[in-house]
């Protein structure tokens, strides 16, 4: 089974998600970044997705660093380097037969570049809806949720599995009677 990887254009999410945009407009960019990382951490942890969040040097000039926070890999590009170009370099190394790579951005040019590299794309709004849905499941519980890591790939449907279970029960009963 392919491992999922998610690359997020951080400032693109901050400019699109309602609560983050509100913080940005109040000149609370650091709080918006922290909230984004916290929300993505919950989402990535729940779905077992390896996640990178890339911020370009547009709002934090001169800093080029990479660190782990909230169980995410957080990257600030070098001054003059865009998140788009950094993400493109990442995809060259990440896309392959062992991984399903998804890039979250609403930037149309970046979406085209994502497809050219063989990755999937998710818009900022799609990711926001997924994060909100995950938060709802976590808070209210969902008896139907089964983590993807425990799902087995089998060729039978539910009805066939029930029939096989019945046959196994019958065989066990016959064995006990002998």
N, C-alpha and C. Protein backbone atom coordinates (compact mmCIF):
# COMPACT_ATOMS: atom_id res chain seq x y z
N UNK A 1 0.84 -1.18 0.00
CA UNK A 1 0.00 0.00 0.00
C UNK A 1 0.88 1.24 0.00
N UNK A 2 0.57 2.20 -0.84
CA UNK A 2 1.37 3.41 -0.94
C UNK A 2 1.20 4.27 0.31
N UNK A 3 2.29 4.87 0.74
CA UNK A 3 2.25 5.79 1.86
C UNK A 3 1.83 7.16 1.33
N UNK A 4 0.98 7.84 2.08
CA UNK A 4 0.51 9.16 1.65
C UNK A 4 1.43 10.24 2.17
N UNK A 5 1.71 11.19 1.30
CA UNK A 5 2.49 12.37 1.65
C UNK A 5 1.72 13.60 1.21
N UNK A 6 1.74 14.61 2.05
CA UNK A 6 1.03 15.86 1.77
C UNK A 6 2.02 17.01 1.88
N UNK A 7 2.07 17.84 0.86
CA UNK A 7 2.88 19.06 0.87
C UNK A 7 1.91 20.23 0.82
N UNK A 8 2.03 21.14 1.78
CA UNK A 8 1.09 22.25 1.90
C UNK A 8 1.81 23.57 1.66
N UNK A 9 1.27 24.39 0.78
CA UNK A 9 1.74 25.75 0.58
C UNK A 9 1.14 26.58 1.71
N UNK A 10 1.91 26.83 2.75
CA UNK A 10 1.42 27.41 3.99
C UNK A 10 0.71 28.75 3.84
N UNK A 11 1.34 29.70 3.17
CA UNK A 11 0.71 31.03 3.06
C UNK A 11 -0.51 30.99 2.15
N UNK A 12 -0.57 30.02 1.24
CA UNK A 12 -1.75 29.86 0.41
C UNK A 12 -2.94 29.45 1.27
N UNK A 13 -2.71 28.59 2.26
CA UNK A 13 -3.79 28.19 3.17
C UNK A 13 -4.19 29.36 4.06
N UNK A 14 -3.20 30.10 4.56
CA UNK A 14 -3.49 31.25 5.43
C UNK A 14 -4.32 32.28 4.69
N UNK A 15 -4.08 32.44 3.40
CA UNK A 15 -4.85 33.40 2.60
C UNK A 15 -6.21 32.89 2.18
N UNK A 16 -6.53 31.61 2.48
CA UNK A 16 -7.79 31.02 2.02
C UNK A 16 -8.71 30.54 3.13
N UNK A 17 -8.15 30.04 4.22
CA UNK A 17 -8.98 29.51 5.30
C UNK A 17 -9.54 30.67 6.11
N UNK A 18 -10.84 30.71 6.36
CA UNK A 18 -11.48 31.86 7.01
C UNK A 18 -10.83 32.29 8.33
N UNK A 19 -10.61 31.36 9.24
CA UNK A 19 -10.06 31.72 10.55
C UNK A 19 -8.61 32.21 10.44
N UNK A 20 -7.85 31.65 9.51
CA UNK A 20 -6.46 32.06 9.33
C UNK A 20 -6.38 33.42 8.62
N UNK A 21 -7.24 33.63 7.67
CA UNK A 21 -7.28 34.91 6.96
C UNK A 21 -7.64 36.04 7.92
N UNK A 22 -8.57 35.77 8.84
CA UNK A 22 -8.95 36.77 9.85
C UNK A 22 -7.73 37.16 10.69
N UNK A 23 -6.97 36.17 11.13
CA UNK A 23 -5.76 36.45 11.92
C UNK A 23 -4.73 37.23 11.11
N UNK A 24 -4.55 36.85 9.86
CA UNK A 24 -3.60 37.56 8.99
C UNK A 24 -4.01 39.02 8.82
N UNK A 25 -5.29 39.24 8.63
CA UNK A 25 -5.78 40.61 8.44
C UNK A 25 -5.67 41.46 9.71
N UNK A 26 -5.53 40.80 10.86
CA UNK A 26 -5.34 41.51 12.13
C UNK A 26 -3.85 41.61 12.47
N UNK A 27 -2.99 41.38 11.47
CA UNK A 27 -1.52 41.40 11.65
C UNK A 27 -1.05 40.41 12.71
N UNK A 28 -1.68 39.25 12.74
CA UNK A 28 -1.30 38.17 13.66
C UNK A 28 -0.85 36.97 12.83
N UNK A 29 0.14 37.21 11.98
CA UNK A 29 0.59 36.18 11.06
C UNK A 29 1.20 34.98 11.79
N UNK A 30 1.97 35.23 12.84
CA UNK A 30 2.58 34.13 13.58
C UNK A 30 1.51 33.24 14.21
N UNK A 31 0.45 33.85 14.74
CA UNK A 31 -0.65 33.08 15.31
C UNK A 31 -1.36 32.27 14.22
N UNK A 32 -1.51 32.85 13.03
CA UNK A 32 -2.13 32.14 11.92
C UNK A 32 -1.29 30.94 11.52
N UNK A 33 0.04 31.11 11.47
CA UNK A 33 0.92 29.98 11.15
C UNK A 33 0.80 28.88 12.19
N UNK A 34 0.83 29.26 13.46
CA UNK A 34 0.73 28.27 14.54
C UNK A 34 -0.60 27.52 14.49
N UNK A 35 -1.69 28.23 14.23
CA UNK A 35 -3.00 27.59 14.15
C UNK A 35 -3.06 26.65 12.95
N UNK A 36 -2.50 27.07 11.83
CA UNK A 36 -2.44 26.20 10.65
C UNK A 36 -1.69 24.91 10.97
N UNK A 37 -0.54 25.04 11.62
CA UNK A 37 0.26 23.86 11.96
C UNK A 37 -0.49 22.95 12.92
N UNK A 38 -1.18 23.53 13.90
CA UNK A 38 -1.93 22.71 14.86
C UNK A 38 -3.06 21.96 14.16
N UNK A 39 -3.80 22.65 13.30
CA UNK A 39 -4.91 22.01 12.60
C UNK A 39 -4.42 20.92 11.66
N UNK A 40 -3.33 21.19 10.93
CA UNK A 40 -2.78 20.19 10.02
C UNK A 40 -2.20 19.00 10.78
N UNK A 41 -1.65 19.25 11.95
CA UNK A 41 -1.10 18.17 12.75
C UNK A 41 -2.19 17.18 13.15
N UNK A 42 -3.32 17.67 13.58
CA UNK A 42 -4.44 16.80 13.94
C UNK A 42 -4.91 15.99 12.73
N UNK A 43 -5.05 16.67 11.61
CA UNK A 43 -5.50 16.02 10.37
C UNK A 43 -4.51 14.94 9.94
N UNK A 44 -3.23 15.30 9.87
CA UNK A 44 -2.20 14.36 9.40
C UNK A 44 -2.06 13.18 10.36
N UNK A 45 -2.14 13.44 11.64
CA UNK A 45 -2.03 12.36 12.62
C UNK A 45 -3.19 11.40 12.54
N UNK A 46 -4.39 11.93 12.38
CA UNK A 46 -5.59 11.11 12.32
C UNK A 46 -5.58 10.21 11.09
N UNK A 47 -5.12 10.75 9.97
CA UNK A 47 -5.13 9.99 8.71
C UNK A 47 -3.79 9.33 8.39
N UNK A 48 -2.80 9.47 9.26
CA UNK A 48 -1.48 8.86 9.07
C UNK A 48 -0.84 9.32 7.76
N UNK A 49 -0.79 10.64 7.58
CA UNK A 49 -0.21 11.23 6.37
C UNK A 49 1.05 11.99 6.76
N UNK A 50 2.16 11.66 6.12
CA UNK A 50 3.41 12.39 6.33
C UNK A 50 3.24 13.75 5.67
N UNK A 51 3.48 14.84 6.42
CA UNK A 51 3.11 16.17 5.95
C UNK A 51 4.25 17.18 6.06
N UNK A 52 4.42 17.97 5.00
CA UNK A 52 5.35 19.10 4.96
C UNK A 52 4.54 20.36 4.76
N UNK A 53 4.90 21.42 5.48
CA UNK A 53 4.27 22.73 5.29
C UNK A 53 5.38 23.69 4.88
N UNK A 54 5.22 24.30 3.71
CA UNK A 54 6.26 25.17 3.15
C UNK A 54 5.78 26.62 3.19
N UNK A 55 6.58 27.47 3.84
CA UNK A 55 6.33 28.91 3.86
C UNK A 55 7.46 29.57 3.09
N UNK A 56 7.12 30.48 2.18
CA UNK A 56 8.20 31.14 1.46
C UNK A 56 8.64 32.39 2.21
N UNK A 57 9.73 33.00 1.75
CA UNK A 57 10.34 34.12 2.46
C UNK A 57 9.62 35.44 2.23
N UNK A 58 8.44 35.39 1.66
CA UNK A 58 7.69 36.61 1.38
C UNK A 58 7.43 37.41 2.65
N UNK A 59 7.00 36.75 3.72
CA UNK A 59 6.64 37.44 4.95
C UNK A 59 7.72 37.35 6.03
N UNK A 60 8.70 36.47 5.86
CA UNK A 60 9.77 36.31 6.84
C UNK A 60 11.10 36.30 6.08
N UNK A 61 11.55 37.45 5.60
CA UNK A 61 12.74 37.49 4.77
C UNK A 61 14.01 37.10 5.54
N UNK A 62 14.94 36.47 4.82
CA UNK A 62 16.23 36.16 5.39
C UNK A 62 16.31 34.84 6.12
N UNK A 63 15.19 34.25 6.43
CA UNK A 63 15.22 33.00 7.19
C UNK A 63 15.12 31.82 6.22
N UNK A 64 16.01 30.88 6.37
CA UNK A 64 15.93 29.63 5.62
C UNK A 64 16.16 28.52 6.62
N UNK A 65 15.09 27.80 6.94
CA UNK A 65 15.23 26.75 7.94
C UNK A 65 14.19 25.66 7.74
N UNK A 66 14.50 24.54 8.33
CA UNK A 66 13.58 23.40 8.30
C UNK A 66 13.61 22.78 9.69
N UNK A 67 12.44 22.49 10.23
CA UNK A 67 12.37 21.87 11.55
C UNK A 67 11.08 21.09 11.67
N UNK A 68 11.03 20.24 12.68
CA UNK A 68 9.82 19.46 12.96
C UNK A 68 9.04 20.16 14.07
N UNK A 69 7.75 20.32 13.86
CA UNK A 69 6.87 20.90 14.87
C UNK A 69 5.49 20.29 14.68
N UNK A 70 4.83 19.98 15.75
CA UNK A 70 3.48 19.42 15.70
C UNK A 70 3.45 18.11 14.89
N UNK A 71 4.52 17.37 14.86
CA UNK A 71 4.64 16.15 14.06
C UNK A 71 4.53 16.43 12.56
N UNK A 72 4.91 17.62 12.17
CA UNK A 72 4.95 18.03 10.77
C UNK A 72 6.38 18.47 10.46
N UNK A 73 6.70 18.50 9.18
CA UNK A 73 7.97 19.06 8.76
C UNK A 73 7.66 20.48 8.26
N UNK A 74 8.24 21.47 8.91
CA UNK A 74 7.98 22.87 8.59
C UNK A 74 9.21 23.44 7.90
N UNK A 75 8.97 24.10 6.77
CA UNK A 75 10.08 24.63 5.97
C UNK A 75 9.83 26.10 5.68
N UNK A 76 10.84 26.93 5.94
CA UNK A 76 10.84 28.32 5.50
C UNK A 76 11.91 28.41 4.41
N UNK A 77 11.53 28.84 3.22
CA UNK A 77 12.48 28.90 2.11
C UNK A 77 13.47 30.04 2.32
N UNK A 78 14.52 30.02 1.53
CA UNK A 78 15.51 31.11 1.57
C UNK A 78 14.90 32.36 0.96
N UNK A 79 15.45 33.49 1.31
CA UNK A 79 14.97 34.75 0.76
C UNK A 79 15.09 34.71 -0.76
N UNK A 80 14.05 35.11 -1.44
CA UNK A 80 14.05 35.10 -2.89
C UNK A 80 13.55 33.80 -3.50
N UNK A 81 13.38 32.75 -2.70
CA UNK A 81 12.88 31.48 -3.21
C UNK A 81 11.40 31.36 -2.87
N UNK A 82 10.60 31.05 -3.85
CA UNK A 82 9.16 30.91 -3.61
C UNK A 82 8.84 29.51 -3.08
N UNK A 83 7.71 29.42 -2.42
CA UNK A 83 7.24 28.10 -1.97
C UNK A 83 7.01 27.21 -3.19
N UNK A 84 6.52 27.79 -4.28
CA UNK A 84 6.26 27.01 -5.50
C UNK A 84 7.53 26.32 -6.01
N UNK A 85 8.63 27.07 -6.09
CA UNK A 85 9.87 26.48 -6.60
C UNK A 85 10.42 25.43 -5.63
N UNK A 86 10.27 25.68 -4.34
CA UNK A 86 10.73 24.71 -3.34
C UNK A 86 9.91 23.42 -3.44
N UNK A 87 8.60 23.57 -3.56
CA UNK A 87 7.72 22.40 -3.67
C UNK A 87 8.04 21.61 -4.94
N UNK A 88 8.34 22.32 -6.03
CA UNK A 88 8.69 21.62 -7.26
C UNK A 88 9.94 20.77 -7.07
N UNK A 89 10.94 21.31 -6.38
CA UNK A 89 12.15 20.53 -6.09
C UNK A 89 11.83 19.32 -5.22
N UNK A 90 10.94 19.51 -4.24
CA UNK A 90 10.55 18.41 -3.36
C UNK A 90 9.89 17.28 -4.15
N UNK A 91 9.02 17.64 -5.07
CA UNK A 91 8.30 16.62 -5.84
C UNK A 91 9.24 15.79 -6.70
N UNK A 92 10.29 16.41 -7.21
CA UNK A 92 11.26 15.65 -8.00
C UNK A 92 11.81 14.49 -7.18
N UNK A 93 11.99 14.69 -5.88
CA UNK A 93 12.55 13.66 -5.02
C UNK A 93 11.49 12.73 -4.42
N UNK A 94 10.26 13.19 -4.31
CA UNK A 94 9.25 12.44 -3.56
C UNK A 94 8.31 11.57 -4.38
N UNK A 95 7.96 12.00 -5.56
CA UNK A 95 6.98 11.28 -6.35
C UNK A 95 7.60 9.98 -6.85
N UNK A 96 6.90 8.89 -6.62
CA UNK A 96 7.40 7.59 -7.05
C UNK A 96 6.37 6.52 -6.80
N UNK A 97 6.76 5.27 -7.02
CA UNK A 97 5.81 4.18 -6.90
C UNK A 97 5.46 3.84 -5.46
N UNK A 98 6.27 4.28 -4.50
CA UNK A 98 6.01 3.96 -3.10
C UNK A 98 5.14 4.98 -2.39
N UNK A 99 4.95 6.14 -2.99
CA UNK A 99 4.26 7.22 -2.31
C UNK A 99 3.18 7.85 -3.19
N UNK A 100 2.09 8.23 -2.55
CA UNK A 100 1.09 9.06 -3.19
C UNK A 100 1.31 10.46 -2.64
N UNK A 101 1.71 11.38 -3.50
CA UNK A 101 2.02 12.74 -3.08
C UNK A 101 0.89 13.66 -3.51
N UNK A 102 0.40 14.44 -2.55
CA UNK A 102 -0.63 15.43 -2.82
C UNK A 102 -0.10 16.79 -2.41
N UNK A 103 -0.30 17.78 -3.25
CA UNK A 103 0.11 19.14 -2.94
C UNK A 103 -1.15 19.98 -2.75
N UNK A 104 -1.21 20.65 -1.60
CA UNK A 104 -2.36 21.50 -1.30
C UNK A 104 -2.02 22.95 -1.64
N UNK A 105 -2.70 23.47 -2.66
CA UNK A 105 -2.52 24.85 -3.09
C UNK A 105 -3.70 25.25 -3.97
N UNK A 106 -3.99 26.53 -3.97
CA UNK A 106 -5.02 27.04 -4.89
C UNK A 106 -4.39 27.84 -6.01
N UNK A 107 -3.08 27.89 -6.06
CA UNK A 107 -2.34 28.59 -7.09
C UNK A 107 -2.43 27.78 -8.38
N UNK A 108 -3.07 28.32 -9.39
CA UNK A 108 -3.31 27.59 -10.63
C UNK A 108 -2.02 27.15 -11.33
N UNK A 109 -1.02 28.03 -11.36
CA UNK A 109 0.26 27.66 -12.00
C UNK A 109 0.92 26.52 -11.24
N UNK A 110 0.83 26.56 -9.92
CA UNK A 110 1.43 25.48 -9.13
C UNK A 110 0.67 24.17 -9.31
N UNK A 111 -0.65 24.26 -9.47
CA UNK A 111 -1.44 23.05 -9.70
C UNK A 111 -1.02 22.37 -11.00
N UNK A 112 -0.79 23.14 -12.03
CA UNK A 112 -0.33 22.57 -13.30
C UNK A 112 1.02 21.88 -13.14
N UNK A 113 1.91 22.54 -12.39
CA UNK A 113 3.24 21.98 -12.14
C UNK A 113 3.12 20.67 -11.35
N UNK A 114 2.17 20.60 -10.43
CA UNK A 114 1.94 19.40 -9.62
C UNK A 114 1.57 18.23 -10.54
N UNK A 115 0.64 18.46 -11.45
CA UNK A 115 0.22 17.41 -12.37
C UNK A 115 1.37 16.97 -13.27
N UNK A 116 2.19 17.91 -13.71
CA UNK A 116 3.33 17.57 -14.57
C UNK A 116 4.32 16.66 -13.88
N UNK A 117 4.40 16.74 -12.55
CA UNK A 117 5.34 15.91 -11.79
C UNK A 117 4.71 14.59 -11.34
N UNK A 118 3.46 14.35 -11.69
CA UNK A 118 2.82 13.09 -11.35
C UNK A 118 2.22 13.05 -9.95
N UNK A 119 2.02 14.20 -9.35
CA UNK A 119 1.42 14.26 -8.02
C UNK A 119 -0.06 14.64 -8.16
N UNK A 120 -0.76 14.58 -7.04
CA UNK A 120 -2.16 15.00 -7.00
C UNK A 120 -2.23 16.40 -6.41
N UNK A 121 -3.31 17.10 -6.64
CA UNK A 121 -3.46 18.42 -6.05
C UNK A 121 -4.76 18.48 -5.27
N UNK A 122 -4.74 19.33 -4.28
CA UNK A 122 -5.92 19.58 -3.46
C UNK A 122 -5.97 21.08 -3.24
N UNK A 123 -7.11 21.70 -3.51
CA UNK A 123 -7.20 23.14 -3.33
C UNK A 123 -7.22 23.48 -1.85
N UNK A 124 -6.99 24.73 -1.54
CA UNK A 124 -7.02 25.19 -0.15
C UNK A 124 -8.39 24.92 0.47
N UNK A 125 -9.45 25.15 -0.29
CA UNK A 125 -10.80 24.92 0.23
C UNK A 125 -11.07 23.44 0.45
N UNK A 126 -10.58 22.59 -0.44
CA UNK A 126 -10.76 21.14 -0.27
C UNK A 126 -10.05 20.66 0.99
N UNK A 127 -8.83 21.14 1.20
CA UNK A 127 -8.09 20.74 2.39
C UNK A 127 -8.78 21.27 3.64
N UNK A 128 -9.26 22.51 3.59
CA UNK A 128 -9.97 23.10 4.74
C UNK A 128 -11.20 22.26 5.08
N UNK A 129 -11.97 21.85 4.07
CA UNK A 129 -13.15 21.00 4.33
C UNK A 129 -12.74 19.65 4.93
N UNK A 130 -11.66 19.06 4.42
CA UNK A 130 -11.19 17.79 4.96
C UNK A 130 -10.73 17.94 6.42
N UNK A 131 -10.03 19.03 6.71
CA UNK A 131 -9.55 19.28 8.07
C UNK A 131 -10.74 19.49 9.01
N UNK A 132 -11.74 20.25 8.55
CA UNK A 132 -12.94 20.49 9.36
C UNK A 132 -13.70 19.19 9.61
N UNK A 133 -13.83 18.37 8.58
CA UNK A 133 -14.53 17.09 8.71
C UNK A 133 -13.80 16.17 9.69
N UNK A 134 -12.50 16.15 9.60
CA UNK A 134 -11.70 15.33 10.52
C UNK A 134 -11.87 15.82 11.96
N UNK A 135 -11.85 17.13 12.15
CA UNK A 135 -12.04 17.68 13.51
C UNK A 135 -13.40 17.30 14.06
N UNK A 136 -14.41 17.31 13.21
CA UNK A 136 -15.76 16.93 13.63
C UNK A 136 -15.80 15.46 14.05
N UNK A 137 -15.17 14.61 13.28
CA UNK A 137 -15.13 13.18 13.61
C UNK A 137 -14.40 12.96 14.93
N UNK A 138 -13.30 13.66 15.12
CA UNK A 138 -12.52 13.52 16.35
C UNK A 138 -13.35 13.95 17.56
N UNK A 139 -14.07 15.06 17.43
CA UNK A 139 -14.83 15.60 18.56
C UNK A 139 -16.11 14.83 18.85
N UNK A 140 -16.78 14.35 17.82
CA UNK A 140 -18.07 13.68 18.04
C UNK A 140 -17.96 12.17 18.00
N UNK A 141 -16.91 11.68 17.42
CA UNK A 141 -16.76 10.23 17.27
C UNK A 141 -17.52 9.76 16.05
N UNK A 142 -17.05 8.72 15.46
CA UNK A 142 -17.71 8.14 14.29
C UNK A 142 -17.46 6.65 14.32
N UNK A 143 -18.51 5.88 14.59
CA UNK A 143 -18.39 4.43 14.70
C UNK A 143 -18.02 3.77 13.37
N UNK A 144 -18.26 4.46 12.26
CA UNK A 144 -17.97 3.88 10.94
C UNK A 144 -16.53 4.10 10.50
N UNK A 145 -15.79 4.96 11.21
CA UNK A 145 -14.43 5.26 10.78
C UNK A 145 -13.50 4.10 11.09
N UNK A 146 -12.73 3.71 10.12
CA UNK A 146 -11.70 2.69 10.29
C UNK A 146 -10.43 3.27 9.68
N UNK A 147 -9.36 3.38 10.45
CA UNK A 147 -8.12 3.94 9.89
C UNK A 147 -7.68 3.17 8.66
N UNK A 148 -7.17 3.88 7.68
CA UNK A 148 -6.74 3.25 6.43
C UNK A 148 -5.60 2.27 6.66
N UNK A 149 -4.80 2.49 7.69
CA UNK A 149 -3.66 1.61 7.91
C UNK A 149 -4.07 0.21 8.30
N UNK A 150 -5.31 0.03 8.78
CA UNK A 150 -5.76 -1.29 9.19
C UNK A 150 -6.63 -1.97 8.15
N UNK A 151 -6.88 -1.31 7.06
CA UNK A 151 -7.72 -1.86 6.02
C UNK A 151 -6.93 -2.85 5.18
N UNK A 152 -7.50 -4.02 4.99
CA UNK A 152 -6.84 -5.04 4.18
C UNK A 152 -7.42 -5.01 2.78
N UNK A 153 -6.57 -5.24 1.82
CA UNK A 153 -7.03 -5.32 0.44
C UNK A 153 -7.39 -6.77 0.16
N UNK A 154 -8.69 -7.03 0.05
CA UNK A 154 -9.16 -8.38 -0.21
C UNK A 154 -10.12 -8.33 -1.39
N UNK A 155 -10.22 -9.43 -2.12
CA UNK A 155 -11.05 -9.42 -3.32
C UNK A 155 -12.54 -9.65 -3.06
N UNK A 156 -12.97 -9.84 -1.79
CA UNK A 156 -14.35 -10.16 -1.51
C UNK A 156 -15.12 -8.97 -0.97
N UNK A 157 -16.41 -8.94 -1.28
CA UNK A 157 -17.27 -7.89 -0.73
C UNK A 157 -17.83 -8.35 0.62
N UNK A 158 -18.59 -7.50 1.29
CA UNK A 158 -19.11 -7.78 2.63
C UNK A 158 -20.00 -9.03 2.65
N UNK A 159 -20.87 -9.18 1.64
CA UNK A 159 -21.75 -10.35 1.57
C UNK A 159 -20.95 -11.64 1.46
N UNK A 160 -19.93 -11.65 0.62
CA UNK A 160 -19.10 -12.83 0.45
C UNK A 160 -18.34 -13.16 1.74
N UNK A 161 -17.88 -12.13 2.44
CA UNK A 161 -17.19 -12.36 3.71
C UNK A 161 -18.12 -12.95 4.75
N UNK A 162 -19.36 -12.49 4.78
CA UNK A 162 -20.34 -13.06 5.71
C UNK A 162 -20.61 -14.52 5.39
N UNK A 163 -20.69 -14.85 4.10
CA UNK A 163 -20.90 -16.24 3.69
C UNK A 163 -19.72 -17.10 4.12
N UNK A 164 -18.50 -16.61 3.90
CA UNK A 164 -17.31 -17.35 4.32
C UNK A 164 -17.27 -17.53 5.84
N UNK A 165 -17.67 -16.51 6.56
CA UNK A 165 -17.70 -16.60 8.02
C UNK A 165 -18.69 -17.68 8.46
N UNK A 166 -19.85 -17.73 7.79
CA UNK A 166 -20.84 -18.77 8.09
C UNK A 166 -20.31 -20.16 7.81
N UNK A 167 -19.62 -20.33 6.68
CA UNK A 167 -19.02 -21.63 6.35
C UNK A 167 -17.97 -22.04 7.39
N UNK A 168 -17.18 -21.09 7.83
CA UNK A 168 -16.18 -21.37 8.86
C UNK A 168 -16.86 -21.81 10.16
N UNK A 169 -17.93 -21.12 10.51
CA UNK A 169 -18.68 -21.48 11.72
C UNK A 169 -19.24 -22.90 11.60
N UNK A 170 -19.82 -23.23 10.42
CA UNK A 170 -20.37 -24.57 10.18
C UNK A 170 -19.28 -25.63 10.30
N UNK A 171 -18.12 -25.37 9.71
CA UNK A 171 -17.02 -26.33 9.79
C UNK A 171 -16.54 -26.51 11.23
N UNK A 172 -16.50 -25.43 11.96
CA UNK A 172 -16.09 -25.51 13.37
C UNK A 172 -17.09 -26.30 14.19
N UNK A 173 -18.39 -26.10 13.91
CA UNK A 173 -19.42 -26.85 14.62
C UNK A 173 -19.32 -28.33 14.30
N UNK A 174 -19.08 -28.68 13.03
CA UNK A 174 -18.95 -30.08 12.62
C UNK A 174 -17.75 -30.72 13.30
N UNK A 175 -16.65 -29.97 13.41
CA UNK A 175 -15.46 -30.49 14.04
C UNK A 175 -15.68 -30.72 15.54
N UNK A 176 -16.43 -29.85 16.18
CA UNK A 176 -16.72 -30.02 17.60
C UNK A 176 -17.63 -31.22 17.85
N UNK A 177 -18.51 -31.55 16.91
CA UNK A 177 -19.45 -32.67 17.06
C UNK A 177 -18.78 -34.01 16.81
N UNK A 178 -17.61 -34.05 16.19
CA UNK A 178 -16.97 -35.33 15.91
C UNK A 178 -16.00 -35.72 16.98
